[in-house]
Amino acid sequence: MDLNQKNNLTNKEFQNQAKMYMQKTKEILLAIAKKEGIKDSEINPLLK
């Protein structure tokens, strides 16, 4: 595998990890919002 292929793979891995952490962050924010009494319909548009 040449350097360019390795960089592309690393970038894809990074993007996948970033998406996973963003999803976890959204879940945490939704849980906090629910505890604070904020409705899903009010918070979901903000998390897109």
C-alpha atoms as a PDB file:
ATOM      1  CA  MET A   1       0.000   0.000   0.000  1.00  0.00           C
ATOM      2  CA  ASP A   2       1.464   3.355  -0.973  1.00  0.00           C
ATOM      3  CA  LEU A   3       1.417   6.475   1.187  1.00  0.00           C
ATOM      4  CA  ASN A   4      -1.590   7.990  -0.606  1.00  0.00           C
ATOM      5  CA  GLN A   5      -3.671   4.846  -0.034  1.00  0.00           C
ATOM      6  CA  LYS A   6      -2.685   4.821   3.637  1.00  0.00           C
ATOM      7  CA  ASN A   7      -3.669   8.486   3.972  1.00  0.00           C
ATOM      8  CA  ASN A   8      -7.047   7.813   2.367  1.00  0.00           C
ATOM      9  CA  LEU A   9      -7.637   4.894   4.722  1.00  0.00           C
ATOM     10  CA  THR A  10      -6.616   6.999   7.718  1.00  0.00           C
ATOM     11  CA  ASN A  11      -8.956   9.797   6.586  1.00  0.00           C
ATOM     12  CA  LYS A  12     -11.858   7.346   6.240  1.00  0.00           C
ATOM     13  CA  GLU A  13     -11.140   5.875   9.668  1.00  0.00           C
ATOM     14  CA  PHE A  14     -11.007   9.378  11.141  1.00  0.00           C
ATOM     15  CA  GLN A  15     -14.302  10.315   9.479  1.00  0.00           C
ATOM     16  CA  ASN A  16     -15.959   7.157  10.785  1.00  0.00           C
ATOM     17  CA  GLN A  17     -14.715   7.826  14.319  1.00  0.00           C
ATOM     18  CA  ALA A  18     -15.819  11.458  14.120  1.00  0.00           C
ATOM     19  CA  LYS A  19     -19.319  10.402  13.019  1.00  0.00           C
ATOM     20  CA  MET A  20     -19.503   7.877  15.853  1.00  0.00           C
ATOM     21  CA  TYR A  21     -18.484  10.477  18.463  1.00  0.00           C
ATOM     22  CA  MET A  22     -20.921  13.033  17.041  1.00  0.00           C
ATOM     23  CA  GLN A  23     -23.733  10.484  17.324  1.00  0.00           C
ATOM     24  CA  LYS A  24     -22.788   9.757  20.945  1.00  0.00           C
ATOM     25  CA  THR A  25     -22.697  13.499  21.659  1.00  0.00           C
ATOM     26  CA  LYS A  26     -26.175  13.910  20.165  1.00  0.00           C
ATOM     27  CA  GLU A  27     -27.471  11.074  22.337  1.00  0.00           C
ATOM     28  CA  ILE A  28     -26.015  12.707  25.449  1.00  0.00           C
ATOM     29  CA  LEU A  29     -27.486  16.098  24.534  1.00  0.00           C
ATOM     30  CA  LEU A  30     -30.901  14.537  23.918  1.00  0.00           C
ATOM     31  CA  ALA A  31     -30.776  12.794  27.292  1.00  0.00           C
ATOM     32  CA  ILE A  32     -29.900  16.073  29.021  1.00  0.00           C
ATOM     33  CA  ALA A  33     -32.636  17.914  27.133  1.00  0.00           C
ATOM     34  CA  LYS A  34     -35.228  15.318  28.145  1.00  0.00           C
ATOM     35  CA  LYS A  35     -34.189  15.637  31.798  1.00  0.00           C
ATOM     36  CA  GLU A  36     -34.590  19.409  31.485  1.00  0.00           C
ATOM     37  CA  GLY A  37     -38.079  18.979  30.022  1.00  0.00           C
ATOM     38  CA  ILE A  38     -37.253  19.969  26.456  1.00  0.00           C
ATOM     39  CA  LYS A  39     -39.291  18.076  23.868  1.00  0.00           C
ATOM     40  CA  ASP A  40     -37.606  16.010  21.144  1.00  0.00           C
ATOM     41  CA  SER A  41     -39.409  18.056  18.503  1.00  0.00           C
ATOM     42  CA  GLU A  42     -37.744  21.203  19.837  1.00  0.00           C
ATOM     43  CA  ILE A  43     -34.207  19.830  20.058  1.00  0.00           C
ATOM     44  CA  ASN A  44     -33.947  17.477  17.050  1.00  0.00           C
ATOM     45  CA  PRO A  45     -33.860  20.245  14.403  1.00  0.00           C
ATOM     46  CA  LEU A  46     -30.934  21.811  16.251  1.00  0.00           C
ATOM     47  CA  LEU A  47     -28.874  18.605  16.158  1.00  0.00           C
ATOM     48  CA  LYS A  48     -28.958  18.027  12.409  1.00  0.00           C
END
